[in-house]
Protein backbone atom coordinates (compact mmCIF):
# COMPACT_ATOMS: atom_id res chain seq x y z
CA UNK A 1 0.00 0.00 0.00
CA UNK A 2 2.66 2.52 -0.87
CA UNK A 3 1.37 6.09 -1.00
CA UNK A 4 3.40 8.77 -2.73
CA UNK A 5 2.29 12.34 -2.12
CA UNK A 6 3.76 14.95 -4.42
CA UNK A 7 3.25 18.49 -3.15
CA UNK A 8 4.38 21.38 -5.33
CA UNK A 9 4.20 25.15 -5.69
CA UNK A 10 1.69 26.22 -8.34
CA UNK A 11 4.41 28.03 -10.28
CA UNK A 12 6.14 24.70 -10.96
CA UNK A 13 3.49 24.06 -13.64
CA UNK A 14 5.01 26.89 -15.68
CA UNK A 15 8.15 24.79 -16.09
CA UNK A 16 7.20 21.10 -16.12
CA UNK A 17 4.26 18.90 -17.00
CA UNK A 18 3.03 17.69 -13.62
CA UNK A 19 1.59 14.51 -15.14
CA UNK A 20 4.99 13.61 -16.58
CA UNK A 21 6.62 14.34 -13.22
CA UNK A 22 4.09 12.10 -11.46
CA UNK A 23 4.73 9.28 -13.94
CA UNK A 24 8.47 9.63 -13.37
CA UNK A 25 8.06 9.42 -9.59
CA UNK A 26 5.50 6.58 -9.79
CA UNK A 27 7.76 4.55 -12.08
CA UNK A 28 10.77 5.14 -9.85
CA UNK A 29 8.94 3.99 -6.71
CA UNK A 30 7.43 1.03 -8.55
CA UNK A 31 10.82 -0.10 -9.80
CA UNK A 32 11.81 -1.29 -6.33
CA UNK A 33 11.27 -5.01 -5.74
CA UNK A 34 9.40 -4.43 -2.47
CA UNK A 35 6.87 -1.97 -3.91
CA UNK A 36 3.85 -3.78 -5.34
CA UNK A 37 2.58 -1.91 -8.39
CA UNK A 38 -1.01 -2.99 -7.68
CA UNK A 39 -0.92 -1.12 -4.39
CA UNK A 40 1.10 1.93 -5.44
CA UNK A 41 -0.80 5.24 -5.34
CA UNK A 42 0.87 8.44 -6.48
CA UNK A 43 -0.94 11.74 -6.33
CA UNK A 44 -0.21 15.44 -6.56
CA UNK A 45 -1.23 18.35 -4.39
CA UNK A 46 -0.81 21.80 -5.92
CA UNK A 47 -0.20 24.59 -3.43
CA UNK A 48 -1.36 28.04 -4.44
CA UNK A 49 -0.47 29.76 -1.19
CA UNK A 50 3.13 29.33 -0.09
CA UNK A 51 6.29 31.12 0.91
CA UNK A 52 9.67 29.73 0.01
CA UNK A 53 12.90 31.03 1.53
CA UNK A 54 12.97 34.82 0.98
CA UNK A 55 9.44 34.87 -0.43
CA UNK A 56 10.51 35.61 -3.99
CA UNK A 57 7.70 34.48 -6.30
CA UNK A 58 10.25 32.89 -8.66
CA UNK A 59 11.11 30.30 -6.00
CA UNK A 60 9.73 26.81 -6.61
CA UNK A 61 9.26 23.78 -4.42
CA UNK A 62 8.62 20.10 -4.81
CA UNK A 63 8.15 17.90 -1.74
CA UNK A 64 7.70 14.16 -2.19
CA UNK A 65 6.60 12.02 0.74
CA UNK A 66 6.42 8.27 0.26
CA UNK A 67 4.60 6.30 2.94
CA UNK A 68 5.43 2.59 2.90
CA UNK A 69 4.96 -0.40 5.13
CA UNK A 70 7.76 -0.21 7.68
CA UNK A 71 8.04 -4.00 7.70
CA UNK A 72 10.10 -3.69 4.51
CA UNK A 73 13.03 -2.63 6.69
CA UNK A 74 15.11 0.52 6.78
CA UNK A 75 17.41 -0.53 3.93
CA UNK A 76 14.50 -0.99 1.51
CA UNK A 77 12.92 2.30 2.56
CA UNK A 78 16.21 4.11 1.97
CA UNK A 79 16.54 2.46 -1.45
CA UNK A 80 13.02 3.63 -2.41
CA UNK A 81 13.87 7.14 -1.17
CA UNK A 82 17.00 7.17 -3.29
CA UNK A 83 15.20 5.89 -6.39
CA UNK A 84 12.61 8.65 -6.12
CA UNK A 85 15.21 11.30 -5.32
CA UNK A 86 17.43 10.31 -8.24
CA UNK A 87 14.45 10.29 -10.62
CA UNK A 88 13.39 13.75 -9.48
CA UNK A 89 16.90 15.16 -9.85
CA UNK A 90 17.21 13.78 -13.38
CA UNK A 91 13.73 14.95 -14.39
CA UNK A 92 14.33 18.41 -12.93
CA UNK A 93 18.04 18.77 -13.74
CA UNK A 94 17.69 21.70 -16.13
CA UNK A 95 15.23 23.46 -13.85
CA UNK A 96 17.46 22.96 -10.81
CA UNK A 97 20.32 24.57 -12.71
CA UNK A 98 18.33 27.56 -13.92
CA UNK A 99 15.78 28.33 -11.16
CA UNK A 100 15.61 28.48 -7.36
CA UNK A 101 13.97 25.15 -6.58
CA UNK A 102 13.66 23.47 -3.19
CA UNK A 103 13.38 19.70 -3.67
CA UNK A 104 12.80 17.28 -0.81
CA UNK A 105 12.11 13.55 -0.75
CA UNK A 106 11.13 11.75 2.43
CA UNK A 107 10.09 8.19 3.18
CA UNK A 108 7.86 7.53 6.16
CA UNK A 109 7.35 4.00 7.47
CA UNK A 110 3.77 2.94 8.13
CA UNK A 111 3.18 0.78 11.20
CA UNK A 112 1.39 -2.24 9.71
CA UNK A 113 -0.58 -2.78 12.91
CA UNK A 114 -2.17 0.66 12.50
CA UNK A 115 -3.65 0.21 9.02
CA UNK A 116 -6.25 -1.82 7.19
CA UNK A 117 -6.07 -2.42 3.45
CA UNK A 118 -8.64 -3.63 0.99
CA UNK A 119 -7.57 -3.67 -2.63
CA UNK A 120 -9.41 -5.39 -5.46
CA UNK A 121 -7.14 -4.09 -8.22
CA UNK A 122 -5.42 -7.47 -8.61
CA UNK A 123 -8.86 -9.04 -9.18
CA UNK A 124 -9.43 -6.90 -12.26
CA UNK A 125 -6.11 -7.04 -14.14
CA UNK A 126 -4.34 -10.15 -15.37
CA UNK A 127 -0.96 -8.42 -15.12
CA UNK A 128 -1.19 -8.53 -11.30
CA UNK A 129 -2.06 -12.20 -10.94
C-alpha atoms as a PDB file:
ATOM      1  CA  UNK A   1       0.000   0.000   0.000  1.00  0.00           C
ATOM      2  CA  UNK A   2       2.661   2.523  -0.870  1.00  0.00           C
ATOM      3  CA  UNK A   3       1.367   6.090  -0.998  1.00  0.00           C
ATOM      4  CA  UNK A   4       3.402   8.771  -2.726  1.00  0.00           C
ATOM      5  CA  UNK A   5       2.290  12.344  -2.115  1.00  0.00           C
ATOM      6  CA  UNK A   6       3.764  14.954  -4.418  1.00  0.00           C
ATOM      7  CA  UNK A   7       3.249  18.491  -3.153  1.00  0.00           C
ATOM      8  CA  UNK A   8       4.376  21.381  -5.334  1.00  0.00           C
ATOM      9  CA  UNK A   9       4.195  25.147  -5.687  1.00  0.00           C
ATOM     10  CA  UNK A  10       1.689  26.223  -8.340  1.00  0.00           C
ATOM     11  CA  UNK A  11       4.409  28.035 -10.281  1.00  0.00           C
ATOM     12  CA  UNK A  12       6.144  24.702 -10.963  1.00  0.00           C
ATOM     13  CA  UNK A  13       3.489  24.060 -13.639  1.00  0.00           C
ATOM     14  CA  UNK A  14       5.007  26.891 -15.676  1.00  0.00           C
ATOM     15  CA  UNK A  15       8.151  24.793 -16.089  1.00  0.00           C
ATOM     16  CA  UNK A  16       7.195  21.102 -16.124  1.00  0.00           C
ATOM     17  CA  UNK A  17       4.255  18.902 -17.005  1.00  0.00           C
ATOM     18  CA  UNK A  18       3.033  17.693 -13.624  1.00  0.00           C
ATOM     19  CA  UNK A  19       1.587  14.507 -15.144  1.00  0.00           C
ATOM     20  CA  UNK A  20       4.992  13.610 -16.579  1.00  0.00           C
ATOM     21  CA  UNK A  21       6.625  14.342 -13.216  1.00  0.00           C
ATOM     22  CA  UNK A  22       4.087  12.098 -11.458  1.00  0.00           C
ATOM     23  CA  UNK A  23       4.729   9.280 -13.945  1.00  0.00           C
ATOM     24  CA  UNK A  24       8.468   9.626 -13.368  1.00  0.00           C
ATOM     25  CA  UNK A  25       8.059   9.421  -9.586  1.00  0.00           C
ATOM     26  CA  UNK A  26       5.504   6.585  -9.786  1.00  0.00           C
ATOM     27  CA  UNK A  27       7.756   4.553 -12.081  1.00  0.00           C
ATOM     28  CA  UNK A  28      10.774   5.142  -9.847  1.00  0.00           C
ATOM     29  CA  UNK A  29       8.939   3.992  -6.712  1.00  0.00           C
ATOM     30  CA  UNK A  30       7.426   1.027  -8.551  1.00  0.00           C
ATOM     31  CA  UNK A  31      10.817  -0.105  -9.805  1.00  0.00           C
ATOM     32  CA  UNK A  32      11.810  -1.287  -6.326  1.00  0.00           C
ATOM     33  CA  UNK A  33      11.266  -5.007  -5.745  1.00  0.00           C
ATOM     34  CA  UNK A  34       9.400  -4.430  -2.465  1.00  0.00           C
ATOM     35  CA  UNK A  35       6.866  -1.966  -3.914  1.00  0.00           C
ATOM     36  CA  UNK A  36       3.846  -3.779  -5.336  1.00  0.00           C
ATOM     37  CA  UNK A  37       2.578  -1.912  -8.390  1.00  0.00           C
ATOM     38  CA  UNK A  38      -1.007  -2.995  -7.675  1.00  0.00           C
ATOM     39  CA  UNK A  39      -0.917  -1.120  -4.387  1.00  0.00           C
ATOM     40  CA  UNK A  40       1.097   1.931  -5.443  1.00  0.00           C
ATOM     41  CA  UNK A  41      -0.801   5.237  -5.340  1.00  0.00           C
ATOM     42  CA  UNK A  42       0.872   8.439  -6.478  1.00  0.00           C
ATOM     43  CA  UNK A  43      -0.940  11.744  -6.331  1.00  0.00           C
ATOM     44  CA  UNK A  44      -0.209  15.443  -6.560  1.00  0.00           C
ATOM     45  CA  UNK A  45      -1.227  18.354  -4.391  1.00  0.00           C
ATOM     46  CA  UNK A  46      -0.807  21.800  -5.916  1.00  0.00           C
ATOM     47  CA  UNK A  47      -0.200  24.594  -3.431  1.00  0.00           C
ATOM     48  CA  UNK A  48      -1.360  28.043  -4.440  1.00  0.00           C
ATOM     49  CA  UNK A  49      -0.473  29.762  -1.186  1.00  0.00           C
ATOM     50  CA  UNK A  50       3.129  29.328  -0.093  1.00  0.00           C
ATOM     51  CA  UNK A  51       6.285  31.124   0.909  1.00  0.00           C
ATOM     52  CA  UNK A  52       9.667  29.726   0.008  1.00  0.00           C
ATOM     53  CA  UNK A  53      12.901  31.032   1.527  1.00  0.00           C
ATOM     54  CA  UNK A  54      12.971  34.816   0.982  1.00  0.00           C
ATOM     55  CA  UNK A  55       9.439  34.872  -0.426  1.00  0.00           C
ATOM     56  CA  UNK A  56      10.512  35.606  -3.994  1.00  0.00           C
ATOM     57  CA  UNK A  57       7.701  34.485  -6.296  1.00  0.00           C
ATOM     58  CA  UNK A  58      10.246  32.892  -8.661  1.00  0.00           C
ATOM     59  CA  UNK A  59      11.114  30.299  -6.002  1.00  0.00           C
ATOM     60  CA  UNK A  60       9.725  26.809  -6.610  1.00  0.00           C
ATOM     61  CA  UNK A  61       9.263  23.781  -4.420  1.00  0.00           C
ATOM     62  CA  UNK A  62       8.624  20.099  -4.806  1.00  0.00           C
ATOM     63  CA  UNK A  63       8.146  17.901  -1.743  1.00  0.00           C
ATOM     64  CA  UNK A  64       7.698  14.163  -2.191  1.00  0.00           C
ATOM     65  CA  UNK A  65       6.600  12.025   0.742  1.00  0.00           C
ATOM     66  CA  UNK A  66       6.420   8.270   0.264  1.00  0.00           C
ATOM     67  CA  UNK A  67       4.602   6.302   2.942  1.00  0.00           C
ATOM     68  CA  UNK A  68       5.427   2.593   2.902  1.00  0.00           C
ATOM     69  CA  UNK A  69       4.960  -0.402   5.131  1.00  0.00           C
ATOM     70  CA  UNK A  70       7.758  -0.213   7.680  1.00  0.00           C
ATOM     71  CA  UNK A  71       8.039  -4.003   7.698  1.00  0.00           C
ATOM     72  CA  UNK A  72      10.098  -3.689   4.515  1.00  0.00           C
ATOM     73  CA  UNK A  73      13.031  -2.626   6.693  1.00  0.00           C
ATOM     74  CA  UNK A  74      15.109   0.518   6.775  1.00  0.00           C
ATOM     75  CA  UNK A  75      17.411  -0.533   3.926  1.00  0.00           C
ATOM     76  CA  UNK A  76      14.501  -0.992   1.510  1.00  0.00           C
ATOM     77  CA  UNK A  77      12.917   2.300   2.561  1.00  0.00           C
ATOM     78  CA  UNK A  78      16.210   4.112   1.970  1.00  0.00           C
ATOM     79  CA  UNK A  79      16.536   2.461  -1.447  1.00  0.00           C
ATOM     80  CA  UNK A  80      13.021   3.631  -2.408  1.00  0.00           C
ATOM     81  CA  UNK A  81      13.866   7.135  -1.174  1.00  0.00           C
ATOM     82  CA  UNK A  82      17.003   7.174  -3.286  1.00  0.00           C
ATOM     83  CA  UNK A  83      15.198   5.886  -6.394  1.00  0.00           C
ATOM     84  CA  UNK A  84      12.608   8.650  -6.118  1.00  0.00           C
ATOM     85  CA  UNK A  85      15.208  11.299  -5.319  1.00  0.00           C
ATOM     86  CA  UNK A  86      17.428  10.305  -8.237  1.00  0.00           C
ATOM     87  CA  UNK A  87      14.454  10.285 -10.623  1.00  0.00           C
ATOM     88  CA  UNK A  88      13.388  13.753  -9.476  1.00  0.00           C
ATOM     89  CA  UNK A  89      16.901  15.156  -9.848  1.00  0.00           C
ATOM     90  CA  UNK A  90      17.211  13.785 -13.378  1.00  0.00           C
ATOM     91  CA  UNK A  91      13.730  14.950 -14.389  1.00  0.00           C
ATOM     92  CA  UNK A  92      14.333  18.415 -12.927  1.00  0.00           C
ATOM     93  CA  UNK A  93      18.036  18.765 -13.737  1.00  0.00           C
ATOM     94  CA  UNK A  94      17.691  21.703 -16.133  1.00  0.00           C
ATOM     95  CA  UNK A  95      15.226  23.460 -13.852  1.00  0.00           C
ATOM     96  CA  UNK A  96      17.456  22.960 -10.806  1.00  0.00           C
ATOM     97  CA  UNK A  97      20.320  24.572 -12.712  1.00  0.00           C
ATOM     98  CA  UNK A  98      18.330  27.561 -13.922  1.00  0.00           C
ATOM     99  CA  UNK A  99      15.780  28.333 -11.161  1.00  0.00           C
ATOM    100  CA  UNK A 100      15.614  28.484  -7.364  1.00  0.00           C
ATOM    101  CA  UNK A 101      13.967  25.146  -6.578  1.00  0.00           C
ATOM    102  CA  UNK A 102      13.656  23.473  -3.185  1.00  0.00           C
ATOM    103  CA  UNK A 103      13.385  19.703  -3.666  1.00  0.00           C
ATOM    104  CA  UNK A 104      12.801  17.280  -0.814  1.00  0.00           C
ATOM    105  CA  UNK A 105      12.109  13.550  -0.753  1.00  0.00           C
ATOM    106  CA  UNK A 106      11.128  11.753   2.432  1.00  0.00           C
ATOM    107  CA  UNK A 107      10.087   8.192   3.180  1.00  0.00           C
ATOM    108  CA  UNK A 108       7.858   7.535   6.159  1.00  0.00           C
ATOM    109  CA  UNK A 109       7.351   4.001   7.468  1.00  0.00           C
ATOM    110  CA  UNK A 110       3.770   2.940   8.130  1.00  0.00           C
ATOM    111  CA  UNK A 111       3.180   0.775  11.195  1.00  0.00           C
ATOM    112  CA  UNK A 112       1.387  -2.241   9.707  1.00  0.00           C
ATOM    113  CA  UNK A 113      -0.579  -2.780  12.910  1.00  0.00           C
ATOM    114  CA  UNK A 114      -2.170   0.656  12.499  1.00  0.00           C
ATOM    115  CA  UNK A 115      -3.654   0.215   9.022  1.00  0.00           C
ATOM    116  CA  UNK A 116      -6.249  -1.819   7.191  1.00  0.00           C
ATOM    117  CA  UNK A 117      -6.074  -2.420   3.454  1.00  0.00           C
ATOM    118  CA  UNK A 118      -8.645  -3.625   0.993  1.00  0.00           C
ATOM    119  CA  UNK A 119      -7.573  -3.666  -2.632  1.00  0.00           C
ATOM    120  CA  UNK A 120      -9.412  -5.391  -5.459  1.00  0.00           C
ATOM    121  CA  UNK A 121      -7.143  -4.085  -8.217  1.00  0.00           C
ATOM    122  CA  UNK A 122      -5.424  -7.465  -8.613  1.00  0.00           C
ATOM    123  CA  UNK A 123      -8.859  -9.038  -9.183  1.00  0.00           C
ATOM    124  CA  UNK A 124      -9.434  -6.896 -12.264  1.00  0.00           C
ATOM    125  CA  UNK A 125      -6.111  -7.043 -14.139  1.00  0.00           C
ATOM    126  CA  UNK A 126      -4.337 -10.149 -15.369  1.00  0.00           C
ATOM    127  CA  UNK A 127      -0.958  -8.416 -15.119  1.00  0.00           C
ATOM    128  CA  UNK A 128      -1.188  -8.528 -11.305  1.00  0.00           C
ATOM    129  CA  UNK A 129      -2.059 -12.205 -10.942  1.00  0.00           C
END
